[in-house]
Structure formats: C-alpha cells, structure tokens
PDB file of all heavy atoms in Angstrom:
ATOM      1  N   TYR A   1     -16.056   5.762  19.261  1.00  0.00           N
ATOM      2  CA  TYR A   1     -16.392   6.769  18.244  1.00  0.00           C
ATOM      3  C   TYR A   1     -17.572   6.324  17.390  1.00  0.00           C
ATOM      4  O   TYR A   1     -18.543   7.072  17.195  1.00  0.00           O
ATOM      5  CB  TYR A   1     -15.154   7.015  17.383  1.00  0.00           C
ATOM      6  CG  TYR A   1     -15.294   8.053  16.295  1.00  0.00           C
ATOM      7  CD1 TYR A   1     -16.147   9.146  16.419  1.00  0.00           C
ATOM      8  CD2 TYR A   1     -14.534   7.946  15.133  1.00  0.00           C
ATOM      9  CE1 TYR A   1     -16.241  10.105  15.410  1.00  0.00           C
ATOM     10  CE2 TYR A   1     -14.612   8.898  14.128  1.00  0.00           C
ATOM     11  CZ  TYR A   1     -15.466   9.968  14.273  1.00  0.00           C
ATOM     12  OH  TYR A   1     -15.560  10.903  13.274  1.00  0.00           O
ATOM     13  N   TYR A   2     -17.524   5.116  16.911  1.00  0.00           N
ATOM     14  CA  TYR A   2     -18.600   4.633  16.041  1.00  0.00           C
ATOM     15  C   TYR A   2     -19.913   4.470  16.803  1.00  0.00           C
ATOM     16  O   TYR A   2     -20.993   4.730  16.254  1.00  0.00           O
ATOM     17  CB  TYR A   2     -18.185   3.315  15.378  1.00  0.00           C
ATOM     18  CG  TYR A   2     -17.139   3.473  14.284  1.00  0.00           C
ATOM     19  CD1 TYR A   2     -16.578   2.363  13.665  1.00  0.00           C
ATOM     20  CD2 TYR A   2     -16.709   4.731  13.855  1.00  0.00           C
ATOM     21  CE1 TYR A   2     -15.625   2.491  12.655  1.00  0.00           C
ATOM     22  CE2 TYR A   2     -15.770   4.871  12.865  1.00  0.00           C
ATOM     23  CZ  TYR A   2     -15.220   3.752  12.266  1.00  0.00           C
ATOM     24  OH  TYR A   2     -14.292   3.884  11.266  1.00  0.00           O
ATOM     25  N   ASN A   3     -19.850   4.044  18.056  1.00  0.00           N
ATOM     26  CA  ASN A   3     -21.076   3.947  18.853  1.00  0.00           C
ATOM     27  C   ASN A   3     -21.653   5.325  19.156  1.00  0.00           C
ATOM     28  O   ASN A   3     -22.876   5.513  19.124  1.00  0.00           O
ATOM     29  CB  ASN A   3     -20.802   3.187  20.155  1.00  0.00           C
ATOM     30  CG  ASN A   3     -20.671   1.688  19.942  1.00  0.00           C
ATOM     31  OD1 ASN A   3     -21.336   1.107  19.087  1.00  0.00           O
ATOM     32  ND2 ASN A   3     -19.793   1.051  20.705  1.00  0.00           N
ATOM     33  N   GLN A   4     -20.779   6.274  19.436  1.00  0.00           N
ATOM     34  CA  GLN A   4     -21.254   7.636  19.666  1.00  0.00           C
ATOM     35  C   GLN A   4     -21.939   8.192  18.416  1.00  0.00           C
ATOM     36  O   GLN A   4     -22.982   8.850  18.500  1.00  0.00           O
ATOM     37  CB  GLN A   4     -20.084   8.549  20.058  1.00  0.00           C
ATOM     38  CG  GLN A   4     -19.567   8.344  21.470  1.00  0.00           C
ATOM     39  CD  GLN A   4     -20.525   8.870  22.513  1.00  0.00           C
ATOM     40  OE1 GLN A   4     -21.612   8.308  22.729  1.00  0.00           O
ATOM     41  NE2 GLN A   4     -20.152   9.942  23.170  1.00  0.00           N
ATOM     42  N   ALA A   5     -21.357   7.924  17.262  1.00  0.00           N
ATOM     43  CA  ALA A   5     -21.945   8.410  16.007  1.00  0.00           C
ATOM     44  C   ALA A   5     -23.340   7.839  15.786  1.00  0.00           C
ATOM     45  O   ALA A   5     -24.239   8.525  15.276  1.00  0.00           O
ATOM     46  CB  ALA A   5     -21.037   8.052  14.831  1.00  0.00           C
ATOM     47  N   ARG A   6     -23.538   6.580  16.169  1.00  0.00           N
ATOM     48  CA  ARG A   6     -24.874   5.989  16.081  1.00  0.00           C
ATOM     49  C   ARG A   6     -25.855   6.777  16.943  1.00  0.00           C
ATOM     50  O   ARG A   6     -26.994   7.031  16.536  1.00  0.00           O
ATOM     51  CB  ARG A   6     -24.835   4.529  16.545  1.00  0.00           C
ATOM     52  CG  ARG A   6     -24.150   3.567  15.583  1.00  0.00           C
ATOM     53  CD  ARG A   6     -25.021   3.277  14.376  1.00  0.00           C
ATOM     54  NE  ARG A   6     -24.445   2.245  13.533  1.00  0.00           N
ATOM     55  CZ  ARG A   6     -24.742   0.956  13.608  1.00  0.00           C
ATOM     56  NH1 ARG A   6     -25.623   0.548  14.527  1.00  0.00           N
ATOM     57  NH2 ARG A   6     -24.175   0.087  12.807  1.00  0.00           N
ATOM     58  N   ARG A   7     -25.421   7.162  18.140  1.00  0.00           N
ATOM     59  CA  ARG A   7     -26.294   7.934  19.025  1.00  0.00           C
ATOM     60  C   ARG A   7     -26.588   9.316  18.440  1.00  0.00           C
ATOM     61  O   ARG A   7     -27.680   9.863  18.610  1.00  0.00           O
ATOM     62  CB  ARG A   7     -25.642   8.086  20.398  1.00  0.00           C
ATOM     63  CG  ARG A   7     -25.428   6.771  21.133  1.00  0.00           C
ATOM     64  CD  ARG A   7     -24.877   6.999  22.541  1.00  0.00           C
ATOM     65  NE  ARG A   7     -24.555   5.738  23.173  1.00  0.00           N
ATOM     66  CZ  ARG A   7     -23.337   5.213  23.223  1.00  0.00           C
ATOM     67  NH1 ARG A   7     -22.322   5.851  22.683  1.00  0.00           N
ATOM     68  NH2 ARG A   7     -23.126   4.049  23.818  1.00  0.00           N
ATOM     69  N   TRP A   8     -25.582   9.903  17.775  1.00  0.00           N
ATOM     70  CA  TRP A   8     -25.777  11.224  17.174  1.00  0.00           C
ATOM     71  C   TRP A   8     -26.585  11.163  15.878  1.00  0.00           C
ATOM     72  O   TRP A   8     -27.038  12.194  15.389  1.00  0.00           O
ATOM     73  CB  TRP A   8     -24.431  11.863  16.842  1.00  0.00           C
ATOM     74  CG  TRP A   8     -23.459  11.967  17.966  1.00  0.00           C
ATOM     75  CD1 TRP A   8     -23.736  12.132  19.295  1.00  0.00           C
ATOM     76  CD2 TRP A   8     -22.028  11.918  17.856  1.00  0.00           C
ATOM     77  NE1 TRP A   8     -22.577  12.192  20.019  1.00  0.00           N
ATOM     78  CE2 TRP A   8     -21.508  12.066  19.171  1.00  0.00           C
ATOM     79  CE3 TRP A   8     -21.140  11.784  16.792  1.00  0.00           C
ATOM     80  CZ2 TRP A   8     -20.135  12.067  19.427  1.00  0.00           C
ATOM     81  CZ3 TRP A   8     -19.788  11.784  17.047  1.00  0.00           C
ATOM     82  CH2 TRP A   8     -19.292  11.923  18.358  1.00  0.00           C
ATOM     83  N   GLY A   9     -26.723   9.985  15.311  1.00  0.00           N
ATOM     84  CA  GLY A   9     -27.379   9.861  14.010  1.00  0.00           C
ATOM     85  C   GLY A   9     -26.504  10.354  12.878  1.00  0.00           C
ATOM     86  O   GLY A   9     -27.004  10.888  11.882  1.00  0.00           O
ATOM     87  N   LYS A  10     -25.173  10.159  12.996  1.00  0.00           N
ATOM     88  CA  LYS A  10     -24.231  10.650  11.993  1.00  0.00           C
ATOM     89  C   LYS A  10     -23.463   9.497  11.361  1.00  0.00           C
ATOM     90  O   LYS A  10     -23.235   8.466  11.992  1.00  0.00           O
ATOM     91  CB  LYS A  10     -23.220  11.615  12.635  1.00  0.00           C
ATOM     92  CG  LYS A  10     -23.827  12.880  13.185  1.00  0.00           C
ATOM     93  CD  LYS A  10     -22.771  13.776  13.795  1.00  0.00           C
ATOM     94  CE  LYS A  10     -21.787  14.287  12.762  1.00  0.00           C
ATOM     95  NZ  LYS A  10     -20.944  15.378  13.301  1.00  0.00           N
ATOM     96  N   GLN A  11     -23.066   9.697  10.106  1.00  0.00           N
ATOM     97  CA  GLN A  11     -22.157   8.784   9.427  1.00  0.00           C
ATOM     98  C   GLN A  11     -20.742   9.318   9.613  1.00  0.00           C
ATOM     99  O   GLN A  11     -20.429  10.435   9.184  1.00  0.00           O
ATOM    100  CB  GLN A  11     -22.475   8.698   7.942  1.00  0.00           C
ATOM    101  CG  GLN A  11     -23.780   8.021   7.593  1.00  0.00           C
ATOM    102  CD  GLN A  11     -23.962   7.940   6.079  1.00  0.00           C
ATOM    103  OE1 GLN A  11     -23.657   8.881   5.345  1.00  0.00           O
ATOM    104  NE2 GLN A  11     -24.463   6.829   5.602  1.00  0.00           N
ATOM    105  N   VAL A  12     -19.876   8.550  10.238  1.00  0.00           N
ATOM    106  CA  VAL A  12     -18.512   8.991  10.502  1.00  0.00           C
ATOM    107  C   VAL A  12     -17.530   7.915  10.054  1.00  0.00           C
ATOM    108  O   VAL A  12     -17.917   6.788   9.743  1.00  0.00           O
ATOM    109  CB  VAL A  12     -18.293   9.306  11.999  1.00  0.00           C
ATOM    110  CG1 VAL A  12     -19.313  10.328  12.500  1.00  0.00           C
ATOM    111  CG2 VAL A  12     -18.348   8.033  12.836  1.00  0.00           C
ATOM    112  N   ALA A  13     -16.259   8.289  10.056  1.00  0.00           N
ATOM    113  CA  ALA A  13     -15.225   7.320   9.680  1.00  0.00           C
ATOM    114  C   ALA A  13     -13.895   7.719  10.297  1.00  0.00           C
ATOM    115  O   ALA A  13     -13.635   8.899  10.569  1.00  0.00           O
ATOM    116  CB  ALA A  13     -15.089   7.219   8.168  1.00  0.00           C
ATOM    117  N   VAL A  14     -13.050   6.723  10.477  1.00  0.00           N
ATOM    118  CA  VAL A  14     -11.645   6.898  10.849  1.00  0.00           C
ATOM    119  C   VAL A  14     -10.807   6.599   9.616  1.00  0.00           C
ATOM    120  O   VAL A  14     -11.070   5.619   8.903  1.00  0.00           O
ATOM    121  CB  VAL A  14     -11.253   5.945  11.995  1.00  0.00           C
ATOM    122  CG1 VAL A  14      -9.735   5.908  12.184  1.00  0.00           C
ATOM    123  CG2 VAL A  14     -11.936   6.358  13.289  1.00  0.00           C
ATOM    124  N   THR A  15      -9.802   7.431   9.340  1.00  0.00           N
ATOM    125  CA  THR A  15      -8.840   7.103   8.279  1.00  0.00           C
ATOM    126  C   THR A  15      -7.531   6.683   8.921  1.00  0.00           C
ATOM    127  O   THR A  15      -7.134   7.211   9.963  1.00  0.00           O
ATOM    128  CB  THR A  15      -8.581   8.288   7.324  1.00  0.00           C
ATOM    129  OG1 THR A  15      -7.756   9.265   7.977  1.00  0.00           O
ATOM    130  CG2 THR A  15      -9.874   8.924   6.875  1.00  0.00           C
ATOM    131  N   PHE A  16      -6.858   5.725   8.292  1.00  0.00           N
ATOM    132  CA  PHE A  16      -5.584   5.225   8.801  1.00  0.00           C
ATOM    133  C   PHE A  16      -4.721   4.811   7.619  1.00  0.00           C
ATOM    134  O   PHE A  16      -5.208   4.667   6.494  1.00  0.00           O
ATOM    135  CB  PHE A  16      -5.788   4.067   9.773  1.00  0.00           C
ATOM    136  CG  PHE A  16      -6.714   2.987   9.260  1.00  0.00           C
ATOM    137  CD1 PHE A  16      -6.235   1.938   8.488  1.00  0.00           C
ATOM    138  CD2 PHE A  16      -8.072   3.024   9.552  1.00  0.00           C
ATOM    139  CE1 PHE A  16      -7.088   0.952   8.017  1.00  0.00           C
ATOM    140  CE2 PHE A  16      -8.935   2.032   9.087  1.00  0.00           C
ATOM    141  CZ  PHE A  16      -8.447   0.997   8.322  1.00  0.00           C
ATOM    142  N   LYS A  17      -3.428   4.602   7.877  1.00  0.00           N
ATOM    143  CA  LYS A  17      -2.470   4.467   6.785  1.00  0.00           C
ATOM    144  C   LYS A  17      -1.872   3.085   6.624  1.00  0.00           C
ATOM    145  O   LYS A  17      -1.037   2.877   5.742  1.00  0.00           O
ATOM    146  CB  LYS A  17      -1.356   5.497   6.971  1.00  0.00           C
ATOM    147  CG  LYS A  17      -1.898   6.921   6.900  1.00  0.00           C
ATOM    148  CD  LYS A  17      -0.833   7.973   6.928  1.00  0.00           C
ATOM    149  CE  LYS A  17      -1.464   9.345   6.744  1.00  0.00           C
ATOM    150  NZ  LYS A  17      -0.467  10.423   6.760  1.00  0.00           N
ATOM    151  N   ALA A  18      -2.269   2.147   7.474  1.00  0.00           N
ATOM    152  CA  ALA A  18      -1.747   0.783   7.347  1.00  0.00           C
ATOM    153  C   ALA A  18      -2.753  -0.186   7.936  1.00  0.00           C
ATOM    154  O   ALA A  18      -3.427   0.132   8.928  1.00  0.00           O
ATOM    155  CB  ALA A  18      -0.406   0.644   8.056  1.00  0.00           C
ATOM    156  N   TYR A  19      -2.859  -1.357   7.348  1.00  0.00           N
ATOM    157  CA  TYR A  19      -3.796  -2.361   7.845  1.00  0.00           C
ATOM    158  C   TYR A  19      -3.301  -3.014   9.130  1.00  0.00           C
ATOM    159  O   TYR A  19      -4.019  -3.804   9.744  1.00  0.00           O
ATOM    160  CB  TYR A  19      -4.063  -3.403   6.770  1.00  0.00           C
ATOM    161  CG  TYR A  19      -4.729  -2.825   5.542  1.00  0.00           C
ATOM    162  CD1 TYR A  19      -4.402  -3.256   4.264  1.00  0.00           C
ATOM    163  CD2 TYR A  19      -5.681  -1.811   5.661  1.00  0.00           C
ATOM    164  CE1 TYR A  19      -5.007  -2.714   3.137  1.00  0.00           C
ATOM    165  CE2 TYR A  19      -6.289  -1.252   4.543  1.00  0.00           C
ATOM    166  CZ  TYR A  19      -5.943  -1.718   3.283  1.00  0.00           C
ATOM    167  OH  TYR A  19      -6.546  -1.166   2.179  1.00  0.00           O
ATOM    168  N   THR A  20      -2.072  -2.670   9.556  1.00  0.00           N
ATOM    169  CA  THR A  20      -1.624  -3.082  10.886  1.00  0.00           C
ATOM    170  C   THR A  20      -2.181  -2.154  11.956  1.00  0.00           C
ATOM    171  O   THR A  20      -2.111  -2.463  13.151  1.00  0.00           O
ATOM    172  CB  THR A  20      -0.090  -3.077  10.964  1.00  0.00           C
ATOM    173  OG1 THR A  20       0.391  -1.795  10.542  1.00  0.00           O
ATOM    174  CG2 THR A  20       0.500  -4.164  10.083  1.00  0.00           C
ATOM    175  N   ASP A  21      -2.728  -0.994  11.541  1.00  0.00           N
ATOM    176  CA  ASP A  21      -3.315  -0.044  12.492  1.00  0.00           C
ATOM    177  C   ASP A  21      -4.723  -0.472  12.889  1.00  0.00           C
ATOM    178  O   ASP A  21      -5.080  -0.502  14.059  1.00  0.00           O
ATOM    179  CB  ASP A  21      -3.378   1.349  11.872  1.00  0.00           C
ATOM    180  CG  ASP A  21      -2.005   1.909  11.531  1.00  0.00           C
ATOM    181  OD1 ASP A  21      -1.006   1.399  12.075  1.00  0.00           O
ATOM    182  OD2 ASP A  21      -1.937   2.850  10.723  1.00  0.00           O
ATOM    183  N   TYR A  22      -5.517  -0.775  11.869  1.00  0.00           N
ATOM    184  CA  TYR A  22      -6.902  -1.207  12.048  1.00  0.00           C
ATOM    185  C   TYR A  22      -7.236  -2.213  10.947  1.00  0.00           C
ATOM    186  O   TYR A  22      -6.594  -2.209   9.880  1.00  0.00           O
ATOM    187  CB  TYR A  22      -7.868  -0.025  11.946  1.00  0.00           C
ATOM    188  CG  TYR A  22      -7.960   0.827  13.190  1.00  0.00           C
ATOM    189  CD1 TYR A  22      -7.518   2.146  13.186  1.00  0.00           C
ATOM    190  CD2 TYR A  22      -8.514   0.330  14.370  1.00  0.00           C
ATOM    191  CE1 TYR A  22      -7.612   2.940  14.324  1.00  0.00           C
ATOM    192  CE2 TYR A  22      -8.616   1.121  15.510  1.00  0.00           C
ATOM    193  CZ  TYR A  22      -8.172   2.418  15.476  1.00  0.00           C
ATOM    194  OH  TYR A  22      -8.265   3.190  16.608  1.00  0.00           O
ATOM    195  N   PRO A  23      -8.257  -3.054  11.147  1.00  0.00           N
ATOM    196  CA  PRO A  23      -8.671  -3.960  10.070  1.00  0.00           C
ATOM    197  C   PRO A  23      -9.084  -3.171   8.817  1.00  0.00           C
ATOM    198  O   PRO A  23      -9.642  -2.067   8.918  1.00  0.00           O
ATOM    199  CB  PRO A  23      -9.870  -4.698  10.679  1.00  0.00           C
ATOM    200  CG  PRO A  23      -9.685  -4.596  12.150  1.00  0.00           C
ATOM    201  CD  PRO A  23      -9.019  -3.272  12.391  1.00  0.00           C
ATOM    202  N   GLN A  24      -8.829  -3.742   7.664  1.00  0.00           N
ATOM    203  CA  GLN A  24      -9.029  -3.035   6.395  1.00  0.00           C
ATOM    204  C   GLN A  24     -10.432  -2.467   6.244  1.00  0.00           C
ATOM    205  O   GLN A  24     -10.602  -1.331   5.794  1.00  0.00           O
ATOM    206  CB  GLN A  24      -8.732  -3.979   5.222  1.00  0.00           C
ATOM    207  CG  GLN A  24      -8.967  -3.330   3.856  1.00  0.00           C
ATOM    208  CD  GLN A  24      -8.598  -4.251   2.705  1.00  0.00           C
ATOM    209  OE1 GLN A  24      -8.032  -5.308   2.931  1.00  0.00           O
ATOM    210  NE2 GLN A  24      -8.909  -3.851   1.496  1.00  0.00           N
ATOM    211  N   THR A  25     -11.443  -3.223   6.614  1.00  0.00           N
ATOM    212  CA  THR A  25     -12.819  -2.792   6.370  1.00  0.00           C
ATOM    213  C   THR A  25     -13.433  -2.056   7.559  1.00  0.00           C
ATOM    214  O   THR A  25     -14.645  -1.875   7.610  1.00  0.00           O
ATOM    215  CB  THR A  25     -13.704  -4.005   6.017  1.00  0.00           C
ATOM    216  OG1 THR A  25     -13.648  -4.956   7.095  1.00  0.00           O
ATOM    217  CG2 THR A  25     -13.242  -4.665   4.735  1.00  0.00           C
ATOM    218  N   SER A  26     -12.597  -1.598   8.506  1.00  0.00           N
ATOM    219  CA  SER A  26     -13.139  -0.879   9.664  1.00  0.00           C
ATOM    220  C   SER A  26     -13.072   0.627   9.512  1.00  0.00           C
ATOM    221  O   SER A  26     -13.556   1.355  10.374  1.00  0.00           O
ATOM    222  CB  SER A  26     -12.383  -1.293  10.938  1.00  0.00           C
ATOM    223  OG  SER A  26     -11.039  -0.871  10.870  1.00  0.00           O
ATOM    224  N   GLY A  27     -12.465   1.105   8.426  1.00  0.00           N
ATOM    225  CA  GLY A  27     -12.346   2.535   8.208  1.00  0.00           C
ATOM    226  C   GLY A  27     -11.905   2.818   6.786  1.00  0.00           C
ATOM    227  O   GLY A  27     -12.126   2.004   5.886  1.00  0.00           O
ATOM    228  N   ILE A  28     -11.268   3.959   6.586  1.00  0.00           N
ATOM    229  CA  ILE A  28     -10.877   4.414   5.249  1.00  0.00           C
ATOM    230  C   ILE A  28      -9.353   4.445   5.149  1.00  0.00           C
ATOM    231  O   ILE A  28      -8.674   5.051   5.978  1.00  0.00           O
ATOM    232  CB  ILE A  28     -11.461   5.805   4.965  1.00  0.00           C
ATOM    233  CG1 ILE A  28     -12.995   5.735   4.926  1.00  0.00           C
ATOM    234  CG2 ILE A  28     -10.924   6.369   3.657  1.00  0.00           C
ATOM    235  CD1 ILE A  28     -13.685   7.079   4.877  1.00  0.00           C
ATOM    236  N   PHE A  29      -8.844   3.801   4.124  1.00  0.00           N
ATOM    237  CA  PHE A  29      -7.406   3.736   3.879  1.00  0.00           C
ATOM    238  C   PHE A  29      -6.932   5.067   3.310  1.00  0.00           C
ATOM    239  O   PHE A  29      -7.545   5.636   2.411  1.00  0.00           O
ATOM    240  CB  PHE A  29      -7.100   2.600   2.909  1.00  0.00           C
ATOM    241  CG  PHE A  29      -5.641   2.426   2.589  1.00  0.00           C
ATOM    242  CD1 PHE A  29      -4.722   2.166   3.590  1.00  0.00           C
ATOM    243  CD2 PHE A  29      -5.191   2.522   1.288  1.00  0.00           C
ATOM    244  CE1 PHE A  29      -3.376   1.991   3.304  1.00  0.00           C
ATOM    245  CE2 PHE A  29      -3.859   2.347   0.976  1.00  0.00           C
ATOM    246  CZ  PHE A  29      -2.940   2.092   1.990  1.00  0.00           C
TER     247      PHE A  29
END
C-alpha cells in the first residue's frame, strides 16, 4: 500500500487499534 502510494504521488495511511497489529510509528493509532 505505501509503495503504491509513492507511485501515485499520494500521502496515505493505515489506521489500527493495537501496537501488536503494526509497529507504533508505521501508521495511525
């Protein structure tokens, strides 16, 4: 997703609800 966004020239993000899902600084809590 993030690599595709770079190709599109867009700022994107994933939101998640626990730091066991993804690293804290890799998306939006």
